[in-house]
């Protein structure tokens, strides 16, 4: 018969195995990127989709998310909505 300490150790080992096998925080999920283009300098930047969702909380359905360009501090819009050169 297993001792009380042995059972506790086995249970702790099982809990560690679960954390090692699974991805409890979703860190292994692929991050979807969206291409943004600057209306001023034409620079492009990839922005994580989840970040765009956070910026769109206060927007109406037809309003697009605009970000500051890391190259010139201009206005960036999603590349599919950006005016072509």
N, C-alpha and C. Protein backbone atom coordinates (compact mmCIF):
# COMPACT_ATOMS: atom_id res chain seq x y z
N UNK A 1 0.84 -1.17 0.00
CA UNK A 1 0.00 0.00 0.00
C UNK A 1 0.89 1.24 0.00
N UNK A 2 0.54 2.22 -0.85
CA UNK A 2 1.35 3.42 -0.99
C UNK A 2 1.17 4.32 0.21
N UNK A 3 2.24 4.95 0.60
CA UNK A 3 2.16 5.87 1.73
C UNK A 3 1.50 7.17 1.32
N UNK A 4 1.11 7.94 2.32
CA UNK A 4 0.45 9.21 2.07
C UNK A 4 1.36 10.16 1.30
N UNK A 5 2.64 10.18 1.64
CA UNK A 5 3.60 11.04 0.94
C UNK A 5 3.75 10.61 -0.52
N UNK A 6 3.74 9.32 -0.76
CA UNK A 6 3.88 8.80 -2.13
C UNK A 6 2.68 9.21 -2.96
N UNK A 7 1.46 9.14 -2.41
CA UNK A 7 0.25 9.53 -3.14
C UNK A 7 0.27 11.03 -3.46
N UNK A 8 0.71 11.84 -2.49
CA UNK A 8 0.80 13.29 -2.73
C UNK A 8 1.80 13.58 -3.84
N UNK A 9 2.90 12.87 -3.83
CA UNK A 9 3.93 13.06 -4.84
C UNK A 9 3.41 12.64 -6.22
N UNK A 10 2.68 11.54 -6.28
CA UNK A 10 2.10 11.08 -7.55
C UNK A 10 1.10 12.09 -8.09
N UNK A 11 0.24 12.62 -7.22
CA UNK A 11 -0.74 13.63 -7.63
C UNK A 11 -0.06 14.90 -8.13
N UNK A 12 0.98 15.34 -7.44
CA UNK A 12 1.71 16.53 -7.86
C UNK A 12 2.37 16.30 -9.21
N UNK A 13 2.89 15.11 -9.41
CA UNK A 13 3.52 14.77 -10.68
C UNK A 13 2.51 14.80 -11.82
N UNK A 14 1.29 14.31 -11.59
CA UNK A 14 0.23 14.32 -12.60
C UNK A 14 -0.15 15.76 -12.96
N UNK A 15 -0.24 16.63 -11.94
CA UNK A 15 -0.58 18.03 -12.20
C UNK A 15 0.49 18.71 -13.03
N UNK A 16 1.75 18.43 -12.75
CA UNK A 16 2.85 18.99 -13.54
C UNK A 16 2.78 18.48 -14.96
N UNK A 17 2.47 17.20 -15.16
CA UNK A 17 2.37 16.63 -16.49
C UNK A 17 1.28 17.32 -17.31
N UNK A 18 0.16 17.66 -16.68
CA UNK A 18 -0.92 18.36 -17.39
C UNK A 18 -0.43 19.71 -17.88
N UNK A 19 0.28 20.45 -17.04
CA UNK A 19 0.78 21.76 -17.44
C UNK A 19 1.81 21.65 -18.55
N UNK A 20 2.58 20.59 -18.56
CA UNK A 20 3.60 20.43 -19.59
C UNK A 20 2.99 19.99 -20.93
N UNK A 21 1.91 19.23 -20.90
CA UNK A 21 1.32 18.69 -22.12
C UNK A 21 0.37 19.67 -22.79
N UNK A 22 -0.33 20.47 -22.03
CA UNK A 22 -1.33 21.37 -22.58
C UNK A 22 -0.78 22.78 -22.71
N UNK A 23 -1.54 23.65 -23.34
CA UNK A 23 -1.19 25.05 -23.48
C UNK A 23 -2.26 25.86 -22.75
N UNK A 24 -2.21 25.88 -21.41
CA UNK A 24 -3.30 26.47 -20.63
C UNK A 24 -3.51 27.96 -20.87
N UNK A 25 -2.50 28.69 -21.31
CA UNK A 25 -2.64 30.13 -21.51
C UNK A 25 -2.75 30.51 -22.98
N UNK A 26 -2.79 29.54 -23.89
CA UNK A 26 -2.93 29.82 -25.31
C UNK A 26 -1.69 30.46 -25.92
N UNK A 27 -0.53 30.17 -25.36
CA UNK A 27 0.70 30.78 -25.86
C UNK A 27 1.18 30.17 -27.18
N UNK A 28 0.73 28.97 -27.48
CA UNK A 28 1.16 28.33 -28.72
C UNK A 28 0.24 28.65 -29.89
N UNK A 29 -0.80 29.45 -29.65
CA UNK A 29 -1.71 29.80 -30.72
C UNK A 29 -1.02 30.74 -31.69
N UNK A 30 -1.35 30.58 -32.96
CA UNK A 30 -0.77 31.45 -33.98
C UNK A 30 -1.40 32.84 -33.88
N UNK A 31 -0.57 33.86 -33.90
CA UNK A 31 -1.06 35.23 -33.85
C UNK A 31 -1.30 35.70 -35.28
N UNK A 32 -2.54 36.11 -35.55
CA UNK A 32 -2.88 36.59 -36.88
C UNK A 32 -2.46 38.05 -36.98
N UNK A 33 -1.78 38.39 -38.10
CA UNK A 33 -1.30 39.74 -38.31
C UNK A 33 -2.08 40.40 -39.44
N UNK A 34 -2.31 41.70 -39.32
CA UNK A 34 -3.02 42.48 -40.33
C UNK A 34 -2.06 43.56 -40.82
N UNK A 35 -1.98 43.73 -42.12
CA UNK A 35 -1.08 44.70 -42.71
C UNK A 35 -1.72 46.09 -42.69
N UNK A 36 -0.99 47.06 -42.15
CA UNK A 36 -1.43 48.46 -42.14
C UNK A 36 -0.47 49.27 -42.99
N UNK A 37 -0.99 50.29 -43.66
CA UNK A 37 -0.18 51.14 -44.52
C UNK A 37 -0.39 52.59 -44.13
N UNK A 38 0.71 53.35 -44.10
CA UNK A 38 0.66 54.75 -43.73
C UNK A 38 0.15 55.57 -44.91
N UNK A 39 -0.80 56.46 -44.65
CA UNK A 39 -1.34 57.33 -45.69
C UNK A 39 -0.36 58.45 -46.02
N UNK A 40 0.59 58.73 -45.13
CA UNK A 40 1.52 59.84 -45.33
C UNK A 40 2.83 59.41 -46.01
N UNK A 41 3.51 58.41 -45.44
CA UNK A 41 4.81 58.01 -45.98
C UNK A 41 4.77 56.72 -46.78
N UNK A 42 3.64 55.99 -46.72
CA UNK A 42 3.52 54.74 -47.47
C UNK A 42 4.16 53.54 -46.77
N UNK A 43 4.68 53.75 -45.56
CA UNK A 43 5.28 52.66 -44.81
C UNK A 43 4.23 51.63 -44.41
N UNK A 44 4.68 50.39 -44.28
CA UNK A 44 3.76 49.31 -43.89
C UNK A 44 4.22 48.70 -42.58
N UNK A 45 3.26 48.14 -41.86
CA UNK A 45 3.56 47.50 -40.59
C UNK A 45 2.53 46.42 -40.34
N UNK A 46 2.95 45.30 -39.77
CA UNK A 46 2.04 44.22 -39.41
C UNK A 46 1.60 44.42 -37.97
N UNK A 47 0.29 44.37 -37.74
CA UNK A 47 -0.27 44.61 -36.42
C UNK A 47 -1.05 43.36 -36.00
N UNK A 48 -0.85 42.87 -34.77
CA UNK A 48 -1.62 41.70 -34.31
C UNK A 48 -3.12 42.00 -34.34
N UNK A 49 -3.90 41.04 -34.82
CA UNK A 49 -5.34 41.20 -34.95
C UNK A 49 -6.02 41.51 -33.62
N UNK A 50 -5.55 40.89 -32.53
CA UNK A 50 -6.18 41.13 -31.23
C UNK A 50 -6.02 42.59 -30.81
N UNK A 51 -4.94 43.23 -31.21
CA UNK A 51 -4.71 44.64 -30.88
C UNK A 51 -5.69 45.53 -31.63
N UNK A 52 -5.98 45.20 -32.87
CA UNK A 52 -6.95 45.96 -33.66
C UNK A 52 -8.32 45.86 -33.01
N UNK A 53 -8.65 44.68 -32.53
CA UNK A 53 -9.93 44.49 -31.84
C UNK A 53 -10.06 45.38 -30.62
N UNK A 54 -8.97 45.55 -29.89
CA UNK A 54 -9.00 46.41 -28.71
C UNK A 54 -9.20 47.87 -29.09
N UNK A 55 -8.62 48.31 -30.21
CA UNK A 55 -8.78 49.69 -30.66
C UNK A 55 -10.16 49.95 -31.26
N UNK A 56 -10.84 48.90 -31.70
CA UNK A 56 -12.13 49.09 -32.37
C UNK A 56 -13.32 49.06 -31.41
N UNK A 57 -13.09 48.90 -30.13
CA UNK A 57 -14.17 48.81 -29.15
C UNK A 57 -15.06 50.05 -29.17
N UNK A 58 -14.48 51.23 -29.26
CA UNK A 58 -15.23 52.48 -29.22
C UNK A 58 -15.69 52.95 -30.59
N UNK A 59 -15.45 52.19 -31.63
CA UNK A 59 -15.79 52.60 -32.99
C UNK A 59 -17.17 52.10 -33.38
N UNK A 60 -17.82 52.82 -34.30
CA UNK A 60 -19.06 52.35 -34.90
C UNK A 60 -18.72 51.29 -35.94
N UNK A 61 -19.70 50.57 -36.44
CA UNK A 61 -19.46 49.48 -37.39
C UNK A 61 -18.75 49.93 -38.66
N UNK A 62 -19.02 51.15 -39.13
CA UNK A 62 -18.43 51.59 -40.39
C UNK A 62 -17.13 52.36 -40.22
N UNK A 63 -16.70 52.59 -39.00
CA UNK A 63 -15.45 53.31 -38.75
C UNK A 63 -14.27 52.34 -38.77
N UNK A 64 -13.18 52.76 -39.40
CA UNK A 64 -12.00 51.90 -39.43
C UNK A 64 -11.00 52.32 -38.36
N UNK A 65 -10.19 51.40 -37.95
CA UNK A 65 -9.16 51.66 -36.94
C UNK A 65 -8.01 52.39 -37.61
N UNK A 66 -7.54 53.44 -36.99
CA UNK A 66 -6.39 54.18 -37.47
C UNK A 66 -5.32 54.14 -36.40
N UNK A 67 -4.08 53.89 -36.81
CA UNK A 67 -2.96 53.80 -35.89
C UNK A 67 -1.90 54.83 -36.27
N UNK A 68 -0.99 55.11 -35.35
CA UNK A 68 0.12 56.01 -35.64
C UNK A 68 1.24 55.22 -36.31
N UNK A 69 1.80 55.80 -37.35
CA UNK A 69 2.88 55.16 -38.10
C UNK A 69 4.17 55.16 -37.27
N UNK A 70 4.84 54.01 -37.15
CA UNK A 70 6.10 53.98 -36.39
C UNK A 70 7.25 54.62 -37.17
N UNK A 71 7.05 54.89 -38.47
CA UNK A 71 8.11 55.47 -39.30
C UNK A 71 8.08 56.99 -39.29
N UNK A 72 6.86 57.58 -39.42
CA UNK A 72 6.76 59.04 -39.54
C UNK A 72 5.74 59.65 -38.59
N UNK A 73 5.08 58.83 -37.78
CA UNK A 73 4.03 59.26 -36.85
C UNK A 73 2.79 59.75 -37.59
N UNK A 74 2.65 59.34 -38.86
CA UNK A 74 1.46 59.67 -39.64
C UNK A 74 0.30 58.75 -39.28
N UNK A 75 -0.70 58.67 -40.16
CA UNK A 75 -1.89 57.87 -39.91
C UNK A 75 -1.83 56.59 -40.74
N UNK A 76 -1.95 55.46 -40.05
CA UNK A 76 -1.96 54.16 -40.73
C UNK A 76 -3.38 53.61 -40.74
N UNK A 77 -3.75 53.01 -41.87
CA UNK A 77 -5.04 52.34 -42.01
C UNK A 77 -4.78 50.94 -42.53
N UNK A 78 -5.76 50.08 -42.36
CA UNK A 78 -5.61 48.71 -42.84
C UNK A 78 -5.32 48.74 -44.33
N UNK A 79 -4.34 47.96 -44.77
CA UNK A 79 -3.86 48.01 -46.14
C UNK A 79 -4.94 47.78 -47.17
N UNK A 80 -5.92 46.96 -46.89
CA UNK A 80 -7.00 46.72 -47.87
C UNK A 80 -7.85 47.97 -48.06
N UNK A 81 -7.82 48.89 -47.08
CA UNK A 81 -8.58 50.13 -47.17
C UNK A 81 -7.71 51.32 -47.57
N UNK A 82 -6.41 51.09 -47.66
CA UNK A 82 -5.50 52.19 -47.94
C UNK A 82 -5.60 52.60 -49.41
N UNK A 83 -5.53 53.90 -49.67
CA UNK A 83 -5.55 54.32 -51.07
C UNK A 83 -4.28 53.86 -51.76
N UNK A 84 -4.43 53.38 -53.00
CA UNK A 84 -3.25 52.88 -53.72
C UNK A 84 -2.43 54.05 -54.26
N UNK A 85 -1.14 53.80 -54.41
CA UNK A 85 -0.23 54.87 -54.91
C UNK A 85 -0.43 55.10 -56.38
